[in-house]
PDB file of N, CA and C in Angstrom:
ATOM      1  N   MET A   1      17.326 -27.310 -17.240  1.00  0.00           N
ATOM      2  CA  MET A   1      16.459 -26.160 -17.070  1.00  0.00           C
ATOM      3  C   MET A   1      16.470 -25.307 -18.343  1.00  0.00           C
ATOM      4  N   ALA A   2      17.645 -25.125 -18.900  1.00  0.00           N
ATOM      5  CA  ALA A   2      17.745 -24.342 -20.133  1.00  0.00           C
ATOM      6  C   ALA A   2      16.972 -25.028 -21.261  1.00  0.00           C
ATOM      7  N   PHE A   3      17.048 -26.354 -21.327  1.00  0.00           N
ATOM      8  CA  PHE A   3      16.326 -27.094 -22.359  1.00  0.00           C
ATOM      9  C   PHE A   3      14.823 -26.856 -22.229  1.00  0.00           C
ATOM     10  N   LEU A   4      14.312 -26.950 -21.002  1.00  0.00           N
ATOM     11  CA  LEU A   4      12.876 -26.729 -20.800  1.00  0.00           C
ATOM     12  C   LEU A   4      12.486 -25.303 -21.164  1.00  0.00           C
ATOM     13  N   GLY A   5      13.347 -24.358 -20.822  1.00  0.00           N
ATOM     14  CA  GLY A   5      13.082 -22.970 -21.179  1.00  0.00           C
ATOM     15  C   GLY A   5      13.059 -22.759 -22.678  1.00  0.00           C
ATOM     16  N   LEU A   6      13.991 -23.381 -23.385  1.00  0.00           N
ATOM     17  CA  LEU A   6      14.023 -23.253 -24.849  1.00  0.00           C
ATOM     18  C   LEU A   6      12.807 -23.900 -25.507  1.00  0.00           C
ATOM     19  N   VAL A   7      12.397 -25.056 -24.999  1.00  0.00           N
ATOM     20  CA  VAL A   7      11.211 -25.718 -25.553  1.00  0.00           C
ATOM     21  C   VAL A   7       9.978 -24.867 -25.295  1.00  0.00           C
ATOM     22  N   ALA A   8       9.836 -24.357 -24.089  1.00  0.00           N
ATOM     23  CA  ALA A   8       8.678 -23.516 -23.756  1.00  0.00           C
ATOM     24  C   ALA A   8       8.678 -22.250 -24.611  1.00  0.00           C
ATOM     25  N   TYR A   9       9.854 -21.650 -24.806  1.00  0.00           N
ATOM     26  CA  TYR A   9       9.947 -20.438 -25.617  1.00  0.00           C
ATOM     27  C   TYR A   9       9.606 -20.736 -27.074  1.00  0.00           C
ATOM     28  N   ASP A  10       9.974 -21.911 -27.533  1.00  0.00           N
ATOM     29  CA  ASP A  10       9.662 -22.319 -28.903  1.00  0.00           C
ATOM     30  C   ASP A  10       8.156 -22.435 -29.106  1.00  0.00           C
ATOM     31  N   VAL A  11       7.448 -22.927 -28.089  1.00  0.00           N
ATOM     32  CA  VAL A  11       6.005 -23.147 -28.199  1.00  0.00           C
ATOM     33  C   VAL A  11       5.234 -21.849 -27.981  1.00  0.00           C
ATOM     34  N   TRP A  12       5.623 -21.049 -26.977  1.00  0.00           N
ATOM     35  CA  TRP A  12       4.841 -19.869 -26.594  1.00  0.00           C
ATOM     36  C   TRP A  12       5.786 -18.758 -26.132  1.00  0.00           C
ATOM     37  N   PRO A  13       6.423 -18.038 -27.067  1.00  0.00           N
ATOM     38  CA  PRO A  13       7.456 -17.059 -26.710  1.00  0.00           C
ATOM     39  C   PRO A  13       6.945 -15.887 -25.858  1.00  0.00           C
ATOM     40  N   ILE A  14       5.781 -15.354 -26.176  1.00  0.00           N
ATOM     41  CA  ILE A  14       5.265 -14.210 -25.414  1.00  0.00           C
ATOM     42  C   ILE A  14       4.949 -14.633 -23.972  1.00  0.00           C
ATOM     43  N   GLY A  15       4.356 -15.802 -23.817  1.00  0.00           N
ATOM     44  CA  GLY A  15       4.025 -16.291 -22.477  1.00  0.00           C
ATOM     45  C   GLY A  15       5.259 -16.497 -21.624  1.00  0.00           C
ATOM     46  N   VAL A  16       6.316 -17.028 -22.224  1.00  0.00           N
ATOM     47  CA  VAL A  16       7.555 -17.249 -21.471  1.00  0.00           C
ATOM     48  C   VAL A  16       8.149 -15.918 -21.045  1.00  0.00           C
ATOM     49  N   LEU A  17       8.121 -14.934 -21.924  1.00  0.00           N
ATOM     50  CA  LEU A  17       8.656 -13.614 -21.569  1.00  0.00           C
ATOM     51  C   LEU A  17       7.821 -12.952 -20.469  1.00  0.00           C
ATOM     52  N   VAL A  18       6.513 -13.044 -20.585  1.00  0.00           N
ATOM     53  CA  VAL A  18       5.637 -12.434 -19.572  1.00  0.00           C
ATOM     54  C   VAL A  18       5.841 -13.107 -18.221  1.00  0.00           C
ATOM     55  N   ILE A  19       5.854 -14.425 -18.201  1.00  0.00           N
ATOM     56  CA  ILE A  19       6.044 -15.156 -16.938  1.00  0.00           C
ATOM     57  C   ILE A  19       7.433 -14.854 -16.365  1.00  0.00           C
ATOM     58  N   GLY A  20       8.433 -14.781 -17.224  1.00  0.00           N
ATOM     59  CA  GLY A  20       9.786 -14.463 -16.751  1.00  0.00           C
ATOM     60  C   GLY A  20       9.860 -13.086 -16.113  1.00  0.00           C
ATOM     61  N   VAL A  21       9.200 -12.117 -16.723  1.00  0.00           N
ATOM     62  CA  VAL A  21       9.183 -10.766 -16.152  1.00  0.00           C
ATOM     63  C   VAL A  21       8.426 -10.762 -14.825  1.00  0.00           C
ATOM     64  N   LEU A  22       7.311 -11.479 -14.751  1.00  0.00           N
ATOM     65  CA  LEU A  22       6.554 -11.540 -13.495  1.00  0.00           C
ATOM     66  C   LEU A  22       7.365 -12.196 -12.372  1.00  0.00           C
ATOM     67  N   VAL A  23       8.069 -13.249 -12.709  1.00  0.00           N
ATOM     68  CA  VAL A  23       8.903 -13.917 -11.702  1.00  0.00           C
ATOM     69  C   VAL A  23      10.002 -12.974 -11.220  1.00  0.00           C
ATOM     70  N   ALA A  24      10.649 -12.280 -12.145  1.00  0.00           N
ATOM     71  CA  ALA A  24      11.702 -11.331 -11.761  1.00  0.00           C
ATOM     72  C   ALA A  24      11.131 -10.210 -10.895  1.00  0.00           C
ATOM     73  N   LEU A  25       9.944  -9.732 -11.239  1.00  0.00           N
ATOM     74  CA  LEU A  25       9.302  -8.679 -10.452  1.00  0.00           C
ATOM     75  C   LEU A  25       8.989  -9.157  -9.037  1.00  0.00           C
ATOM     76  N   LEU A  26       8.438 -10.347  -8.910  1.00  0.00           N
ATOM     77  CA  LEU A  26       8.119 -10.883  -7.582  1.00  0.00           C
ATOM     78  C   LEU A  26       9.386 -11.127  -6.753  1.00  0.00           C
ATOM     79  N   MET A  27      10.438 -11.589  -7.405  1.00  0.00           N
ATOM     80  CA  MET A  27      11.686 -11.823  -6.679  1.00  0.00           C
ATOM     81  C   MET A  27      12.276 -10.508  -6.183  1.00  0.00           C
ATOM     82  N   THR A  28      12.108  -9.441  -6.955  1.00  0.00           N
ATOM     83  CA  THR A  28      12.598  -8.129  -6.535  1.00  0.00           C
ATOM     84  C   THR A  28      11.721  -7.558  -5.432  1.00  0.00           C
ATOM     85  N   LEU A  29      10.413  -7.733  -5.546  1.00  0.00           N
ATOM     86  CA  LEU A  29       9.490  -7.178  -4.553  1.00  0.00           C
ATOM     87  C   LEU A  29       9.706  -7.773  -3.163  1.00  0.00           C
ATOM     88  N   GLN A  30      10.122  -9.030  -3.088  1.00  0.00           N
ATOM     89  CA  GLN A  30      10.320  -9.608  -1.768  1.00  0.00           C
ATOM     90  C   GLN A  30      11.443  -8.884  -1.017  1.00  0.00           C
ATOM     91  N   PHE A  31      12.473  -8.435  -1.731  1.00  0.00           N
ATOM     92  CA  PHE A  31      13.549  -7.702  -1.077  1.00  0.00           C
ATOM     93  C   PHE A  31      13.112  -6.295  -0.695  1.00  0.00           C
ATOM     94  N   ILE A  32      12.269  -5.695  -1.513  1.00  0.00           N
ATOM     95  CA  ILE A  32      11.753  -4.362  -1.187  1.00  0.00           C
ATOM     96  C   ILE A  32      10.868  -4.438   0.054  1.00  0.00           C
ATOM     97  N   VAL A  33       9.992  -5.422   0.108  1.00  0.00           N
ATOM     98  CA  VAL A  33       9.107  -5.587   1.276  1.00  0.00           C
ATOM     99  C   VAL A  33       9.925  -5.888   2.520  1.00  0.00           C
ATOM    100  N   TYR A  34      10.940  -6.750   2.406  1.00  0.00           N
ATOM    101  CA  TYR A  34      11.793  -7.065   3.547  1.00  0.00           C
ATOM    102  C   TYR A  34      12.521  -5.816   4.034  1.00  0.00           C
ATOM    103  N   GLY A  35      13.031  -5.018   3.117  1.00  0.00           N
ATOM    104  CA  GLY A  35      13.717  -3.781   3.497  1.00  0.00           C
ATOM    105  C   GLY A  35      12.786  -2.803   4.189  1.00  0.00           C
ATOM    106  N   MET A  36      11.555  -2.677   3.697  1.00  0.00           N
ATOM    107  CA  MET A  36      10.587  -1.788   4.346  1.00  0.00           C
ATOM    108  C   MET A  36      10.249  -2.295   5.740  1.00  0.00           C
ATOM    109  N   HIS A  37      10.125  -3.602   5.896  1.00  0.00           N
ATOM    110  CA  HIS A  37       9.843  -4.179   7.211  1.00  0.00           C
ATOM    111  C   HIS A  37      10.988  -3.899   8.177  1.00  0.00           C
ATOM    112  N   GLN A  38      12.215  -4.092   7.725  1.00  0.00           N
ATOM    113  CA  GLN A  38      13.371  -3.838   8.583  1.00  0.00           C
ATOM    114  C   GLN A  38      13.432  -2.363   8.983  1.00  0.00           C
ATOM    115  N   PHE A  39      13.161  -1.465   8.030  1.00  0.00           N
ATOM    116  CA  PHE A  39      13.179  -0.035   8.324  1.00  0.00           C
ATOM    117  C   PHE A  39      12.103   0.327   9.345  1.00  0.00           C
ATOM    118  N   ALA A  40      10.898  -0.218   9.180  1.00  0.00           N
ATOM    119  CA  ALA A  40       9.813   0.080  10.118  1.00  0.00           C
ATOM    120  C   ALA A  40      10.133  -0.464  11.507  1.00  0.00           C
ATOM    121  N   ALA A  41      10.720  -1.648  11.581  1.00  0.00           N
ATOM    122  CA  ALA A  41      11.076  -2.224  12.879  1.00  0.00           C
ATOM    123  C   ALA A  41      12.145  -1.375  13.560  1.00  0.00           C
ATOM    124  N   PHE A  42      13.127  -0.906  12.793  1.00  0.00           N
ATOM    125  CA  PHE A  42      14.168  -0.049  13.361  1.00  0.00           C
ATOM    126  C   PHE A  42      13.580   1.276  13.847  1.00  0.00           C
ATOM    127  N   ALA A  43      12.692   1.866  13.035  1.00  0.00           N
ATOM    128  CA  ALA A  43      12.074   3.132  13.429  1.00  0.00           C
ATOM    129  C   ALA A  43      11.257   2.965  14.707  1.00  0.00           C
ATOM    130  N   LEU A  44      10.546   1.861  14.836  1.00  0.00           N
ATOM    131  CA  LEU A  44       9.758   1.605  16.042  1.00  0.00           C
ATOM    132  C   LEU A  44      10.659   1.431  17.261  1.00  0.00           C
ATOM    133  N   ARG A  45      11.768   0.687  17.102  1.00  0.00           N
ATOM    134  CA  ARG A  45      12.707   0.533  18.218  1.00  0.00           C
ATOM    135  C   ARG A  45      13.308   1.873  18.617  1.00  0.00           C
ATOM    136  N   ALA A  46      13.660   2.703  17.639  1.00  0.00           N
ATOM    137  CA  ALA A  46      14.233   4.022  17.930  1.00  0.00           C
ATOM    138  C   ALA A  46      13.194   4.897  18.632  1.00  0.00           C
ATOM    139  N   TRP A  47      11.946   4.854  18.173  1.00  0.00           N
ATOM    140  CA  TRP A  47      10.876   5.643  18.790  1.00  0.00           C
ATOM    141  C   TRP A  47      10.678   5.230  20.252  1.00  0.00           C
ATOM    142  N   ARG A  48      10.627   3.928  20.494  1.00  0.00           N
ATOM    143  CA  ARG A  48      10.425   3.443  21.868  1.00  0.00           C
ATOM    144  C   ARG A  48      11.597   3.821  22.761  1.00  0.00           C
ATOM    145  N   ALA A  49      12.815   3.715  22.247  1.00  0.00           N
ATOM    146  CA  ALA A  49      13.988   4.080  23.037  1.00  0.00           C
ATOM    147  C   ALA A  49      13.975   5.571  23.339  1.00  0.00           C
ATOM    148  N   GLY A  50      13.631   6.376  22.355  1.00  0.00           N
ATOM    149  CA  GLY A  50      13.567   7.819  22.554  1.00  0.00           C
ATOM    150  C   GLY A  50      12.503   8.206  23.568  1.00  0.00           C
ATOM    151  N   MET A  51      11.348   7.585  23.475  1.00  0.00           N
ATOM    152  CA  MET A  51      10.285   7.889  24.431  1.00  0.00           C
ATOM    153  C   MET A  51      10.682   7.457  25.840  1.00  0.00           C
ATOM    154  N   GLY A  52      11.393   6.343  25.941  1.00  0.00           N
ATOM    155  CA  GLY A  52      11.867   5.909  27.257  1.00  0.00           C
ATOM    156  C   GLY A  52      12.828   6.910  27.861  1.00  0.00           C
ATOM    157  N   LEU A  53      13.717   7.473  27.037  1.00  0.00           N
ATOM    158  CA  LEU A  53      14.650   8.493  27.535  1.00  0.00           C
ATOM    159  C   LEU A  53      13.920   9.760  27.949  1.00  0.00           C
ATOM    160  N   ILE A  54      12.930  10.156  27.169  1.00  0.00           N
ATOM    161  CA  ILE A  54      12.167  11.369  27.505  1.00  0.00           C
ATOM    162  C   ILE A  54      11.400  11.173  28.804  1.00  0.00           C
ATOM    163  N   ILE A  55      10.780  10.019  28.966  1.00  0.00           N
ATOM    164  CA  ILE A  55      10.031   9.737  30.203  1.00  0.00           C
ATOM    165  C   ILE A  55      10.978   9.702  31.390  1.00  0.00           C
ATOM    166  N   ALA A  56      12.136   9.094  31.249  1.00  0.00           N
ATOM    167  CA  ALA A  56      13.107   9.048  32.341  1.00  0.00           C
ATOM    168  C   ALA A  56      13.585  10.448  32.700  1.00  0.00           C
ATOM    169  N   TYR A  57      13.765  11.298  31.690  1.00  0.00           N
ATOM    170  CA  TYR A  57      14.210  12.668  31.944  1.00  0.00           C
ATOM    171  C   TYR A  57      13.154  13.434  32.739  1.00  0.00           C
ATOM    172  N   PHE A  58      11.895  13.332  32.346  1.00  0.00           N
ATOM    173  CA  PHE A  58      10.842  14.049  33.067  1.00  0.00           C
ATOM    174  C   PHE A  58      10.634  13.477  34.467  1.00  0.00           C
ATOM    175  N   ARG A  59      10.808  12.198  34.627  1.00  0.00           N
ATOM    176  CA  ARG A  59      10.705  11.629  35.974  1.00  0.00           C
ATOM    177  C   ARG A  59      11.822  12.156  36.872  1.00  0.00           C
ATOM    178  N   SER A  60      13.026  12.306  36.303  1.00  0.00           N
ATOM    179  CA  SER A  60      14.128  12.824  37.110  1.00  0.00           C
ATOM    180  C   SER A  60      13.888  14.289  37.472  1.00  0.00           C
ATOM    181  N   LEU A  61      13.243  15.036  36.598  1.00  0.00           N
ATOM    182  CA  LEU A  61      12.920  16.432  36.911  1.00  0.00           C
ATOM    183  C   LEU A  61      11.875  16.514  38.027  1.00  0.00           C
ATOM    184  N   ALA A  62      10.964  15.563  38.061  1.00  0.00           N
ATOM    185  CA  ALA A  62       9.879  15.578  39.025  1.00  0.00           C
ATOM    186  C   ALA A  62      10.366  15.124  40.399  1.00  0.00           C
ATOM    187  N   GLY A  63      11.578  14.694  40.513  1.00  0.00           N
ATOM    188  CA  GLY A  63      12.108  14.376  41.805  1.00  0.00           C
ATOM    189  C   GLY A  63      12.244  12.915  42.066  1.00  0.00           C
ATOM    190  N   GLY A  64      12.238  12.220  41.067  1.00  0.00           N
ATOM    191  CA  GLY A  64      12.680  10.999  41.289  1.00  0.00           C
ATOM    192  C   GLY A  64      12.533   9.644  40.929  1.00  0.00           C
ATOM    193  N   GLY A  65      12.246   9.243  39.891  1.00  0.00           N
ATOM    194  CA  GLY A  65      12.335   7.858  39.494  1.00  0.00           C
ATOM    195  C   GLY A  65      11.378   6.930  40.214  1.00  0.00           C
ATOM    196  N   LEU A  66      10.109   7.099  40.021  1.00  0.00           N
ATOM    197  CA  LEU A  66       9.137   6.210  40.647  1.00  0.00           C
ATOM    198  C   LEU A  66       9.042   4.909  39.922  1.00  0.00           C
TER     199      LEU A  66
END
């Protein structure tokens, strides 16, 4: 792999650097997107759990758990 990288860099150094930066950027973005997805899923679960508790509380005030 290093040999191929050196040959490619020898032929087209700017292109290899640009492609390398793009690959690194895409590899980093996948973790950022995954983290945002996990955060949104957690927030949605917390919201649903909270709303369930609020609804249960108001039902208990109304006399009873229908």
